[in-house]
């Protein structure tokens, strides 16, 4: 049971960090959006 709890937690962390990495690859868009909040500068809604 304790192993399952740990494995489930790691799956959550892996997904949340996976999304973080996807967005961090678009850090330049975040900077552009802060200066000009238009749709062309937005973070992507989906990733490969």
ModelCIF file with pLDDT and N, C-alpha, C, O atoms, coordinates in Angstrom:
data_MODEL
#
_entry.id   MODEL 
#
_entity.id                         1 
_entity.type                       polymer 
_entity.pdbx_number_of_molecules   1 
#
_entity_poly.entity_id                      1 
_entity_poly.type                           'polypeptide(L)' 
_entity_poly.nstd_linkage                   no 
_entity_poly.nstd_monomer                   no 
_entity_poly.pdbx_seq_one_letter_code       
;(UNK)(UNK)(UNK)(UNK)(UNK)(UNK)(UNK)(UNK)(UNK)(UNK)(UNK)(UNK)(UNK)(UNK)(UNK)(UNK)
(UNK)(UNK)(UNK)(UNK)(UNK)(UNK)(UNK)(UNK)(UNK)(UNK)(UNK)(UNK)(UNK)(UNK)(UNK)(UNK)
(UNK)(UNK)(UNK)(UNK)(UNK)(UNK)(UNK)(UNK)(UNK)(UNK)(UNK)(UNK)(UNK)(UNK)(UNK)(UNK)
;
_entity_poly.pdbx_seq_one_letter_code_can   XXXXXXXXXXXXXXXXXXXXXXXXXXXXXXXXXXXXXXXXXXXXXXXX 
_entity_poly.pdbx_strand_id                 A 
#
loop_
_entity_poly_seq.entity_id 
_entity_poly_seq.num 
_entity_poly_seq.mon_id 
_entity_poly_seq.hetero 
1 1  UNK n 
1 2  UNK n 
1 3  UNK n 
1 4  UNK n 
1 5  UNK n 
1 6  UNK n 
1 7  UNK n 
1 8  UNK n 
1 9  UNK n 
1 10 UNK n 
1 11 UNK n 
1 12 UNK n 
1 13 UNK n 
1 14 UNK n 
1 15 UNK n 
1 16 UNK n 
1 17 UNK n 
1 18 UNK n 
1 19 UNK n 
1 20 UNK n 
1 21 UNK n 
1 22 UNK n 
1 23 UNK n 
1 24 UNK n 
1 25 UNK n 
1 26 UNK n 
1 27 UNK n 
1 28 UNK n 
1 29 UNK n 
1 30 UNK n 
1 31 UNK n 
1 32 UNK n 
1 33 UNK n 
1 34 UNK n 
1 35 UNK n 
1 36 UNK n 
1 37 UNK n 
1 38 UNK n 
1 39 UNK n 
1 40 UNK n 
1 41 UNK n 
1 42 UNK n 
1 43 UNK n 
1 44 UNK n 
1 45 UNK n 
1 46 UNK n 
1 47 UNK n 
1 48 UNK n 
#
_struct_asym.id          A 
_struct_asym.entity_id   1 
#
loop_
_ma_qa_metric.id 
_ma_qa_metric.mode 
_ma_qa_metric.name 
_ma_qa_metric.software_group_id 
_ma_qa_metric.type 
1 global pLDDT . pLDDT 
2 local  pLDDT . pLDDT 
#
_ma_qa_metric_global.metric_id      1 
_ma_qa_metric_global.metric_value   94.56 
_ma_qa_metric_global.model_id       1 
_ma_qa_metric_global.ordinal_id     1 
#
loop_
_ma_qa_metric_local.label_asym_id 
_ma_qa_metric_local.label_comp_id 
_ma_qa_metric_local.label_seq_id 
_ma_qa_metric_local.metric_id 
_ma_qa_metric_local.metric_value 
_ma_qa_metric_local.model_id 
_ma_qa_metric_local.ordinal_id 
A UNK 1  2 90.00 1 1  
A UNK 2  2 93.00 1 2  
A UNK 3  2 95.00 1 3  
A UNK 4  2 95.00 1 4  
A UNK 5  2 96.00 1 5  
A UNK 6  2 97.00 1 6  
A UNK 7  2 97.00 1 7  
A UNK 8  2 97.00 1 8  
A UNK 9  2 97.00 1 9  
A UNK 10 2 97.00 1 10 
A UNK 11 2 97.00 1 11 
A UNK 12 2 98.00 1 12 
A UNK 13 2 98.00 1 13 
A UNK 14 2 97.00 1 14 
A UNK 15 2 98.00 1 15 
A UNK 16 2 98.00 1 16 
A UNK 17 2 97.00 1 17 
A UNK 18 2 97.00 1 18 
A UNK 19 2 97.00 1 19 
A UNK 20 2 97.00 1 20 
A UNK 21 2 96.00 1 21 
A UNK 22 2 96.00 1 22 
A UNK 23 2 96.00 1 23 
A UNK 24 2 96.00 1 24 
A UNK 25 2 95.00 1 25 
A UNK 26 2 95.00 1 26 
A UNK 27 2 93.00 1 27 
A UNK 28 2 93.00 1 28 
A UNK 29 2 94.00 1 29 
A UNK 30 2 93.00 1 30 
A UNK 31 2 91.00 1 31 
A UNK 32 2 92.00 1 32 
A UNK 33 2 93.00 1 33 
A UNK 34 2 88.00 1 34 
A UNK 35 2 88.00 1 35 
A UNK 36 2 90.00 1 36 
A UNK 37 2 89.00 1 37 
A UNK 38 2 90.00 1 38 
A UNK 39 2 91.00 1 39 
A UNK 40 2 92.00 1 40 
A UNK 41 2 94.00 1 41 
A UNK 42 2 95.00 1 42 
A UNK 43 2 96.00 1 43 
A UNK 44 2 96.00 1 44 
A UNK 45 2 94.00 1 45 
A UNK 46 2 95.00 1 46 
A UNK 47 2 96.00 1 47 
A UNK 48 2 94.00 1 48 
#
loop_
_atom_site.group_PDB 
_atom_site.id 
_atom_site.type_symbol 
_atom_site.label_atom_id 
_atom_site.label_alt_id 
_atom_site.label_comp_id 
_atom_site.label_asym_id 
_atom_site.label_entity_id 
_atom_site.label_seq_id 
_atom_site.pdbx_PDB_ins_code 
_atom_site.Cartn_x 
_atom_site.Cartn_y 
_atom_site.Cartn_z 
_atom_site.occupancy 
_atom_site.B_iso_or_equiv 
_atom_site.pdbx_formal_charge 
_atom_site.auth_seq_id 
_atom_site.auth_comp_id 
_atom_site.auth_asym_id 
_atom_site.auth_atom_id 
_atom_site.pdbx_PDB_model_num 
ATOM 1   N N  . UNK A 1 1  ? 0.830  -1.203 0.000   1.00 90.00 ? 1  UNK A N  1 
ATOM 2   C CA . UNK A 1 1  ? 0.000  0.000  0.000   1.00 90.00 ? 1  UNK A CA 1 
ATOM 3   C C  . UNK A 1 1  ? 0.864  1.252  0.000   1.00 90.00 ? 1  UNK A C  1 
ATOM 4   O O  . UNK A 1 1  ? 0.591  2.201  -0.735  1.00 90.00 ? 1  UNK A O  1 
ATOM 5   N N  . UNK A 1 2  ? 1.901  1.254  0.822   1.00 93.00 ? 2  UNK A N  1 
ATOM 6   C CA . UNK A 1 2  ? 2.792  2.413  0.879   1.00 93.00 ? 2  UNK A CA 1 
ATOM 7   C C  . UNK A 1 2  ? 3.540  2.593  -0.440  1.00 93.00 ? 2  UNK A C  1 
ATOM 8   O O  . UNK A 1 2  ? 3.798  3.719  -0.864  1.00 93.00 ? 2  UNK A O  1 
ATOM 9   N N  . UNK A 1 3  ? 3.882  1.493  -1.079  1.00 95.00 ? 3  UNK A N  1 
ATOM 10  C CA . UNK A 1 3  ? 4.550  1.573  -2.378  1.00 95.00 ? 3  UNK A CA 1 
ATOM 11  C C  . UNK A 1 3  ? 3.617  2.167  -3.429  1.00 95.00 ? 3  UNK A C  1 
ATOM 12  O O  . UNK A 1 3  ? 4.036  2.959  -4.274  1.00 95.00 ? 3  UNK A O  1 
ATOM 13  N N  . UNK A 1 4  ? 2.349  1.772  -3.364  1.00 95.00 ? 4  UNK A N  1 
ATOM 14  C CA . UNK A 1 4  ? 1.385  2.322  -4.312  1.00 95.00 ? 4  UNK A CA 1 
ATOM 15  C C  . UNK A 1 4  ? 1.200  3.829  -4.111  1.00 95.00 ? 4  UNK A C  1 
ATOM 16  O O  . UNK A 1 4  ? 1.108  4.588  -5.076  1.00 95.00 ? 4  UNK A O  1 
ATOM 17  N N  . UNK A 1 5  ? 1.147  4.248  -2.844  1.00 96.00 ? 5  UNK A N  1 
ATOM 18  C CA . UNK A 1 5  ? 1.025  5.676  -2.562  1.00 96.00 ? 5  UNK A CA 1 
ATOM 19  C C  . UNK A 1 5  ? 2.195  6.436  -3.168  1.00 96.00 ? 5  UNK A C  1 
ATOM 20  O O  . UNK A 1 5  ? 2.014  7.489  -3.780  1.00 96.00 ? 5  UNK A O  1 
ATOM 21  N N  . UNK A 1 6  ? 3.392  5.897  -2.995  1.00 97.00 ? 6  UNK A N  1 
ATOM 22  C CA . UNK A 1 6  ? 4.591  6.547  -3.535  1.00 97.00 ? 6  UNK A CA 1 
ATOM 23  C C  . UNK A 1 6  ? 4.566  6.582  -5.060  1.00 97.00 ? 6  UNK A C  1 
ATOM 24  O O  . UNK A 1 6  ? 4.876  7.607  -5.668  1.00 97.00 ? 6  UNK A O  1 
ATOM 25  N N  . UNK A 1 7  ? 4.199  5.468  -5.672  1.00 97.00 ? 7  UNK A N  1 
ATOM 26  C CA . UNK A 1 7  ? 4.173  5.401  -7.134  1.00 97.00 ? 7  UNK A CA 1 
ATOM 27  C C  . UNK A 1 7  ? 3.144  6.370  -7.722  1.00 97.00 ? 7  UNK A C  1 
ATOM 28  O O  . UNK A 1 7  ? 3.401  7.010  -8.741  1.00 97.00 ? 7  UNK A O  1 
ATOM 29  N N  . UNK A 1 8  ? 1.998  6.472  -7.085  1.00 97.00 ? 8  UNK A N  1 
ATOM 30  C CA . UNK A 1 8  ? 0.978  7.406  -7.554  1.00 97.00 ? 8  UNK A CA 1 
ATOM 31  C C  . UNK A 1 8  ? 1.465  8.844  -7.425  1.00 97.00 ? 8  UNK A C  1 
ATOM 32  O O  . UNK A 1 8  ? 1.249  9.657  -8.324  1.00 97.00 ? 8  UNK A O  1 
ATOM 33  N N  . UNK A 1 9  ? 2.116  9.159  -6.319  1.00 97.00 ? 9  UNK A N  1 
ATOM 34  C CA . UNK A 1 9  ? 2.653  10.508 -6.134  1.00 97.00 ? 9  UNK A CA 1 
ATOM 35  C C  . UNK A 1 9  ? 3.684  10.835 -7.212  1.00 97.00 ? 9  UNK A C  1 
ATOM 36  O O  . UNK A 1 9  ? 3.702  11.941 -7.751  1.00 97.00 ? 9  UNK A O  1 
ATOM 37  N N  . UNK A 1 10 ? 4.541  9.864  -7.519  1.00 97.00 ? 10 UNK A N  1 
ATOM 38  C CA . UNK A 1 10 ? 5.569  10.111 -8.549  1.00 97.00 ? 10 UNK A CA 1 
ATOM 39  C C  . UNK A 1 10 ? 4.931  10.334 -9.916  1.00 97.00 ? 10 UNK A C  1 
ATOM 40  O O  . UNK A 1 10 ? 5.440  11.118 -10.716 1.00 97.00 ? 10 UNK A O  1 
ATOM 41  N N  . UNK A 1 11 ? 3.821  9.652  -10.189 1.00 97.00 ? 11 UNK A N  1 
ATOM 42  C CA . UNK A 1 11 ? 3.128  9.858  -11.468 1.00 97.00 ? 11 UNK A CA 1 
ATOM 43  C C  . UNK A 1 11 ? 2.566  11.264 -11.556 1.00 97.00 ? 11 UNK A C  1 
ATOM 44  O O  . UNK A 1 11 ? 2.598  11.887 -12.618 1.00 97.00 ? 11 UNK A O  1 
ATOM 45  N N  . UNK A 1 12 ? 2.047  11.769 -10.434 1.00 98.00 ? 12 UNK A N  1 
ATOM 46  C CA . UNK A 1 12 ? 1.532  13.143 -10.406 1.00 98.00 ? 12 UNK A CA 1 
ATOM 47  C C  . UNK A 1 12 ? 2.657  14.141 -10.636 1.00 98.00 ? 12 UNK A C  1 
ATOM 48  O O  . UNK A 1 12 ? 2.525  15.053 -11.452 1.00 98.00 ? 12 UNK A O  1 
ATOM 49  N N  . UNK A 1 13 ? 3.759  13.970 -9.921  1.00 98.00 ? 13 UNK A N  1 
ATOM 50  C CA . UNK A 1 13 ? 4.898  14.888 -10.056 1.00 98.00 ? 13 UNK A CA 1 
ATOM 51  C C  . UNK A 1 13 ? 5.446  14.847 -11.476 1.00 98.00 ? 13 UNK A C  1 
ATOM 52  O O  . UNK A 1 13 ? 5.791  15.884 -12.042 1.00 98.00 ? 13 UNK A O  1 
ATOM 53  N N  . UNK A 1 14 ? 5.525  13.661 -12.048 1.00 97.00 ? 14 UNK A N  1 
ATOM 54  C CA . UNK A 1 14 ? 6.066  13.533 -13.410 1.00 97.00 ? 14 UNK A CA 1 
ATOM 55  C C  . UNK A 1 14 ? 5.197  14.291 -14.411 1.00 97.00 ? 14 UNK A C  1 
ATOM 56  O O  . UNK A 1 14 ? 5.720  14.964 -15.300 1.00 97.00 ? 14 UNK A O  1 
ATOM 57  N N  . UNK A 1 15 ? 3.887  14.187 -14.276 1.00 98.00 ? 15 UNK A N  1 
ATOM 58  C CA . UNK A 1 15 ? 3.006  14.903 -15.202 1.00 98.00 ? 15 UNK A CA 1 
ATOM 59  C C  . UNK A 1 15 ? 3.105  16.408 -15.009 1.00 98.00 ? 15 UNK A C  1 
ATOM 60  O O  . UNK A 1 15 ? 3.217  17.152 -15.983 1.00 98.00 ? 15 UNK A O  1 
ATOM 61  N N  . UNK A 1 16 ? 3.066  16.861 -13.762 1.00 98.00 ? 16 UNK A N  1 
ATOM 62  C CA . UNK A 1 16 ? 3.123  18.306 -13.515 1.00 98.00 ? 16 UNK A CA 1 
ATOM 63  C C  . UNK A 1 16 ? 4.452  18.886 -13.971 1.00 98.00 ? 16 UNK A C  1 
ATOM 64  O O  . UNK A 1 16 ? 4.498  20.001 -14.490 1.00 98.00 ? 16 UNK A O  1 
ATOM 65  N N  . UNK A 1 17 ? 5.518  18.150 -13.783 1.00 97.00 ? 17 UNK A N  1 
ATOM 66  C CA . UNK A 1 17 ? 6.815  18.631 -14.261 1.00 97.00 ? 17 UNK A CA 1 
ATOM 67  C C  . UNK A 1 17 ? 6.917  18.529 -15.787 1.00 97.00 ? 17 UNK A C  1 
ATOM 68  O O  . UNK A 1 17 ? 7.591  19.338 -16.425 1.00 97.00 ? 17 UNK A O  1 
ATOM 69  N N  . UNK A 1 18 ? 6.252  17.544 -16.357 1.00 97.00 ? 18 UNK A N  1 
ATOM 70  C CA . UNK A 1 18 ? 6.220  17.459 -17.819 1.00 97.00 ? 18 UNK A CA 1 
ATOM 71  C C  . UNK A 1 18 ? 5.563  18.687 -18.432 1.00 97.00 ? 18 UNK A C  1 
ATOM 72  O O  . UNK A 1 18 ? 6.058  19.239 -19.414 1.00 97.00 ? 18 UNK A O  1 
ATOM 73  N N  . UNK A 1 19 ? 4.445  19.111 -17.848 1.00 97.00 ? 19 UNK A N  1 
ATOM 74  C CA . UNK A 1 19 ? 3.794  20.332 -18.325 1.00 97.00 ? 19 UNK A CA 1 
ATOM 75  C C  . UNK A 1 19 ? 4.677  21.549 -18.100 1.00 97.00 ? 19 UNK A C  1 
ATOM 76  O O  . UNK A 1 19 ? 4.735  22.447 -18.940 1.00 97.00 ? 19 UNK A O  1 
ATOM 77  N N  . UNK A 1 20 ? 5.367  21.577 -16.961 1.00 97.00 ? 20 UNK A N  1 
ATOM 78  C CA . UNK A 1 20 ? 6.268  22.697 -16.675 1.00 97.00 ? 20 UNK A CA 1 
ATOM 79  C C  . UNK A 1 20 ? 7.371  22.801 -17.723 1.00 97.00 ? 20 UNK A C  1 
ATOM 80  O O  . UNK A 1 20 ? 7.682  23.896 -18.192 1.00 97.00 ? 20 UNK A O  1 
ATOM 81  N N  . UNK A 1 21 ? 7.964  21.664 -18.092 1.00 96.00 ? 21 UNK A N  1 
ATOM 82  C CA . UNK A 1 21 ? 9.014  21.680 -19.093 1.00 96.00 ? 21 UNK A CA 1 
ATOM 83  C C  . UNK A 1 21 ? 8.484  22.157 -20.444 1.00 96.00 ? 21 UNK A C  1 
ATOM 84  O O  . UNK A 1 21 ? 9.158  22.905 -21.152 1.00 96.00 ? 21 UNK A O  1 
ATOM 85  N N  . UNK A 1 22 ? 7.277  21.723 -20.796 1.00 96.00 ? 22 UNK A N  1 
ATOM 86  C CA . UNK A 1 22 ? 6.683  22.177 -22.062 1.00 96.00 ? 22 UNK A CA 1 
ATOM 87  C C  . UNK A 1 22 ? 6.551  23.697 -22.086 1.00 96.00 ? 22 UNK A C  1 
ATOM 88  O O  . UNK A 1 22 ? 6.872  24.343 -23.084 1.00 96.00 ? 22 UNK A O  1 
ATOM 89  N N  . UNK A 1 23 ? 6.081  24.253 -20.988 1.00 96.00 ? 23 UNK A N  1 
ATOM 90  C CA . UNK A 1 23 ? 5.875  25.705 -20.933 1.00 96.00 ? 23 UNK A CA 1 
ATOM 91  C C  . UNK A 1 23 ? 7.198  26.458 -20.839 1.00 96.00 ? 23 UNK A C  1 
ATOM 92  O O  . UNK A 1 23 ? 7.339  27.541 -21.406 1.00 96.00 ? 23 UNK A O  1 
ATOM 93  N N  . UNK A 1 24 ? 8.168  25.886 -20.123 1.00 96.00 ? 24 UNK A N  1 
ATOM 94  C CA . UNK A 1 24 ? 9.462  26.563 -20.000 1.00 96.00 ? 24 UNK A CA 1 
ATOM 95  C C  . UNK A 1 24 ? 10.171 26.664 -21.343 1.00 96.00 ? 24 UNK A C  1 
ATOM 96  O O  . UNK A 1 24 ? 10.967 27.577 -21.559 1.00 96.00 ? 24 UNK A O  1 
ATOM 97  N N  . UNK A 1 25 ? 9.888  25.738 -22.239 1.00 95.00 ? 25 UNK A N  1 
ATOM 98  C CA . UNK A 1 25 ? 10.471 25.824 -23.578 1.00 95.00 ? 25 UNK A CA 1 
ATOM 99  C C  . UNK A 1 25 ? 9.899  26.992 -24.360 1.00 95.00 ? 25 UNK A C  1 
ATOM 100 O O  . UNK A 1 25 ? 10.428 27.360 -25.409 1.00 95.00 ? 25 UNK A O  1 
ATOM 101 N N  . UNK A 1 26 ? 8.817  27.577 -23.853 1.00 95.00 ? 26 UNK A N  1 
ATOM 102 C CA . UNK A 1 26 ? 8.220  28.744 -24.495 1.00 95.00 ? 26 UNK A CA 1 
ATOM 103 C C  . UNK A 1 26 ? 8.354  29.986 -23.608 1.00 95.00 ? 26 UNK A C  1 
ATOM 104 O O  . UNK A 1 26 ? 7.499  30.870 -23.627 1.00 95.00 ? 26 UNK A O  1 
ATOM 105 N N  . UNK A 1 27 ? 9.432  30.035 -22.840 1.00 93.00 ? 27 UNK A N  1 
ATOM 106 C CA . UNK A 1 27 ? 9.650  31.165 -21.925 1.00 93.00 ? 27 UNK A CA 1 
ATOM 107 C C  . UNK A 1 27 ? 9.685  32.496 -22.668 1.00 93.00 ? 27 UNK A C  1 
ATOM 108 O O  . UNK A 1 27 ? 9.261  33.520 -22.132 1.00 93.00 ? 27 UNK A O  1 
ATOM 109 N N  . UNK A 1 28 ? 10.188 32.483 -23.899 1.00 93.00 ? 28 UNK A N  1 
ATOM 110 C CA . UNK A 1 28 ? 10.238 33.732 -24.667 1.00 93.00 ? 28 UNK A CA 1 
ATOM 111 C C  . UNK A 1 28 ? 8.841  34.247 -24.972 1.00 93.00 ? 28 UNK A C  1 
ATOM 112 O O  . UNK A 1 28 ? 8.635  35.457 -25.064 1.00 93.00 ? 28 UNK A O  1 
ATOM 113 N N  . UNK A 1 29 ? 7.875  33.340 -25.129 1.00 94.00 ? 29 UNK A N  1 
ATOM 114 C CA . UNK A 1 29 ? 6.502  33.758 -25.367 1.00 94.00 ? 29 UNK A CA 1 
ATOM 115 C C  . UNK A 1 29 ? 5.905  34.425 -24.129 1.00 94.00 ? 29 UNK A C  1 
ATOM 116 O O  . UNK A 1 29 ? 5.156  35.396 -24.236 1.00 94.00 ? 29 UNK A O  1 
ATOM 117 N N  . UNK A 1 30 ? 6.245  33.898 -22.960 1.00 93.00 ? 30 UNK A N  1 
ATOM 118 C CA . UNK A 1 30 ? 5.751  34.496 -21.728 1.00 93.00 ? 30 UNK A CA 1 
ATOM 119 C C  . UNK A 1 30 ? 6.247  35.935 -21.620 1.00 93.00 ? 30 UNK A C  1 
ATOM 120 O O  . UNK A 1 30 ? 5.482  36.832 -21.266 1.00 93.00 ? 30 UNK A O  1 
ATOM 121 N N  . UNK A 1 31 ? 7.522  36.155 -21.924 1.00 91.00 ? 31 UNK A N  1 
ATOM 122 C CA . UNK A 1 31 ? 8.077  37.507 -21.877 1.00 91.00 ? 31 UNK A CA 1 
ATOM 123 C C  . UNK A 1 31 ? 7.389  38.413 -22.881 1.00 91.00 ? 31 UNK A C  1 
ATOM 124 O O  . UNK A 1 31 ? 7.078  39.564 -22.576 1.00 91.00 ? 31 UNK A O  1 
ATOM 125 N N  . UNK A 1 32 ? 7.150  37.893 -24.083 1.00 92.00 ? 32 UNK A N  1 
ATOM 126 C CA . UNK A 1 32 ? 6.483  38.705 -25.116 1.00 92.00 ? 32 UNK A CA 1 
ATOM 127 C C  . UNK A 1 32 ? 5.047  39.025 -24.720 1.00 92.00 ? 32 UNK A C  1 
ATOM 128 O O  . UNK A 1 32 ? 4.563  40.132 -24.953 1.00 92.00 ? 32 UNK A O  1 
ATOM 129 N N  . UNK A 1 33 ? 4.369  38.046 -24.119 1.00 93.00 ? 33 UNK A N  1 
ATOM 130 C CA . UNK A 1 33 ? 2.969  38.242 -23.737 1.00 93.00 ? 33 UNK A CA 1 
ATOM 131 C C  . UNK A 1 33 ? 2.838  39.285 -22.633 1.00 93.00 ? 33 UNK A C  1 
ATOM 132 O O  . UNK A 1 33 ? 1.870  40.045 -22.614 1.00 93.00 ? 33 UNK A O  1 
ATOM 133 N N  . UNK A 1 34 ? 3.795  39.328 -21.720 1.00 88.00 ? 34 UNK A N  1 
ATOM 134 C CA . UNK A 1 34 ? 3.733  40.312 -20.650 1.00 88.00 ? 34 UNK A CA 1 
ATOM 135 C C  . UNK A 1 34 ? 3.796  41.728 -21.207 1.00 88.00 ? 34 UNK A C  1 
ATOM 136 O O  . UNK A 1 34 ? 3.205  42.651 -20.646 1.00 88.00 ? 34 UNK A O  1 
ATOM 137 N N  . UNK A 1 35 ? 4.512  41.894 -22.307 1.00 88.00 ? 35 UNK A N  1 
ATOM 138 C CA . UNK A 1 35 ? 4.626  43.225 -22.906 1.00 88.00 ? 35 UNK A CA 1 
ATOM 139 C C  . UNK A 1 35 ? 3.486  43.508 -23.886 1.00 88.00 ? 35 UNK A C  1 
ATOM 140 O O  . UNK A 1 35 ? 3.039  44.648 -24.012 1.00 88.00 ? 35 UNK A O  1 
ATOM 141 N N  . UNK A 1 36 ? 3.023  42.473 -24.573 1.00 90.00 ? 36 UNK A N  1 
ATOM 142 C CA . UNK A 1 36 ? 1.952  42.628 -25.547 1.00 90.00 ? 36 UNK A CA 1 
ATOM 143 C C  . UNK A 1 36 ? 1.044  41.405 -25.492 1.00 90.00 ? 36 UNK A C  1 
ATOM 144 O O  . UNK A 1 36 ? 1.311  40.416 -26.175 1.00 90.00 ? 36 UNK A O  1 
ATOM 145 N N  . UNK A 1 37 ? -0.031 41.449 -24.689 1.00 89.00 ? 37 UNK A N  1 
ATOM 146 C CA . UNK A 1 37 ? -0.899 40.272 -24.494 1.00 89.00 ? 37 UNK A CA 1 
ATOM 147 C C  . UNK A 1 37 ? -1.822 40.020 -25.681 1.00 89.00 ? 37 UNK A C  1 
ATOM 148 O O  . UNK A 1 37 ? -3.016 40.315 -25.625 1.00 89.00 ? 37 UNK A O  1 
ATOM 149 N N  . UNK A 1 38 ? -1.261 39.476 -26.746 1.00 90.00 ? 38 UNK A N  1 
ATOM 150 C CA . UNK A 1 38 ? -2.039 39.129 -27.931 1.00 90.00 ? 38 UNK A CA 1 
ATOM 151 C C  . UNK A 1 38 ? -1.938 37.627 -28.158 1.00 90.00 ? 38 UNK A C  1 
ATOM 152 O O  . UNK A 1 38 ? -1.061 36.962 -27.606 1.00 90.00 ? 38 UNK A O  1 
ATOM 153 N N  . UNK A 1 39 ? -2.845 37.101 -28.976 1.00 91.00 ? 39 UNK A N  1 
ATOM 154 C CA . UNK A 1 39 ? -2.928 35.649 -29.132 1.00 91.00 ? 39 UNK A CA 1 
ATOM 155 C C  . UNK A 1 39 ? -1.666 35.037 -29.744 1.00 91.00 ? 39 UNK A C  1 
ATOM 156 O O  . UNK A 1 39 ? -1.349 33.880 -29.467 1.00 91.00 ? 39 UNK A O  1 
ATOM 157 N N  . UNK A 1 40 ? -0.942 35.797 -30.571 1.00 92.00 ? 40 UNK A N  1 
ATOM 158 C CA . UNK A 1 40 ? 0.271  35.251 -31.184 1.00 92.00 ? 40 UNK A CA 1 
ATOM 159 C C  . UNK A 1 40 ? 1.382  35.024 -30.156 1.00 92.00 ? 40 UNK A C  1 
ATOM 160 O O  . UNK A 1 40 ? 2.288  34.224 -30.387 1.00 92.00 ? 40 UNK A O  1 
ATOM 161 N N  . UNK A 1 41 ? 1.312  35.726 -29.027 1.00 94.00 ? 41 UNK A N  1 
ATOM 162 C CA . UNK A 1 41 ? 2.344  35.593 -28.004 1.00 94.00 ? 41 UNK A CA 1 
ATOM 163 C C  . UNK A 1 41 ? 1.959  34.624 -26.892 1.00 94.00 ? 41 UNK A C  1 
ATOM 164 O O  . UNK A 1 41 ? 2.698  34.473 -25.919 1.00 94.00 ? 41 UNK A O  1 
ATOM 165 N N  . UNK A 1 42 ? 0.819  33.970 -27.027 1.00 95.00 ? 42 UNK A N  1 
ATOM 166 C CA . UNK A 1 42 ? 0.318  33.131 -25.946 1.00 95.00 ? 42 UNK A CA 1 
ATOM 167 C C  . UNK A 1 42 ? 1.051  31.802 -25.862 1.00 95.00 ? 42 UNK A C  1 
ATOM 168 O O  . UNK A 1 42 ? 1.542  31.281 -26.864 1.00 95.00 ? 42 UNK A O  1 
ATOM 169 N N  . UNK A 1 43 ? 1.115  31.260 -24.646 1.00 96.00 ? 43 UNK A N  1 
ATOM 170 C CA . UNK A 1 43 ? 1.588  29.886 -24.469 1.00 96.00 ? 43 UNK A CA 1 
ATOM 171 C C  . UNK A 1 43 ? 0.679  28.934 -25.228 1.00 96.00 ? 43 UNK A C  1 
ATOM 172 O O  . UNK A 1 43 ? -0.523 29.177 -25.335 1.00 96.00 ? 43 UNK A O  1 
ATOM 173 N N  . UNK A 1 44 ? 1.229  27.874 -25.745 1.00 96.00 ? 44 UNK A N  1 
ATOM 174 C CA . UNK A 1 44 ? 0.415  26.904 -26.471 1.00 96.00 ? 44 UNK A CA 1 
ATOM 175 C C  . UNK A 1 44 ? -0.478 26.131 -25.510 1.00 96.00 ? 44 UNK A C  1 
ATOM 176 O O  . UNK A 1 44 ? -0.117 25.880 -24.360 1.00 96.00 ? 44 UNK A O  1 
ATOM 177 N N  . UNK A 1 45 ? -1.643 25.763 -26.007 1.00 94.00 ? 45 UNK A N  1 
ATOM 178 C CA . UNK A 1 45 ? -2.629 25.059 -25.188 1.00 94.00 ? 45 UNK A CA 1 
ATOM 179 C C  . UNK A 1 45 ? -2.397 23.555 -25.183 1.00 94.00 ? 45 UNK A C  1 
ATOM 180 O O  . UNK A 1 45 ? -2.907 22.852 -24.310 1.00 94.00 ? 45 UNK A O  1 
ATOM 181 N N  . UNK A 1 46 ? -1.627 23.054 -26.156 1.00 95.00 ? 46 UNK A N  1 
ATOM 182 C CA . UNK A 1 46 ? -1.364 21.613 -26.227 1.00 95.00 ? 46 UNK A CA 1 
ATOM 183 C C  . UNK A 1 46 ? 0.027  21.375 -26.797 1.00 95.00 ? 46 UNK A C  1 
ATOM 184 O O  . UNK A 1 46 ? 0.585  22.211 -27.508 1.00 95.00 ? 46 UNK A O  1 
ATOM 185 N N  . UNK A 1 47 ? 0.573  20.199 -26.460 1.00 96.00 ? 47 UNK A N  1 
ATOM 186 C CA . UNK A 1 47 ? 1.945  19.872 -26.840 1.00 96.00 ? 47 UNK A CA 1 
ATOM 187 C C  . UNK A 1 47 ? 2.007  18.425 -27.323 1.00 96.00 ? 47 UNK A C  1 
ATOM 188 O O  . UNK A 1 47 ? 1.111  17.620 -27.070 1.00 96.00 ? 47 UNK A O  1 
ATOM 189 N N  . UNK A 1 48 ? 3.091  18.128 -28.020 1.00 94.00 ? 48 UNK A N  1 
ATOM 190 C CA . UNK A 1 48 ? 3.311  16.762 -28.484 1.00 94.00 ? 48 UNK A CA 1 
ATOM 191 C C  . UNK A 1 48 ? 3.613  15.874 -27.284 1.00 94.00 ? 48 UNK A C  1 
ATOM 192 O O  . UNK A 1 48 ? 3.832  14.673 -27.445 1.00 94.00 ? 48 UNK A O  1 
#
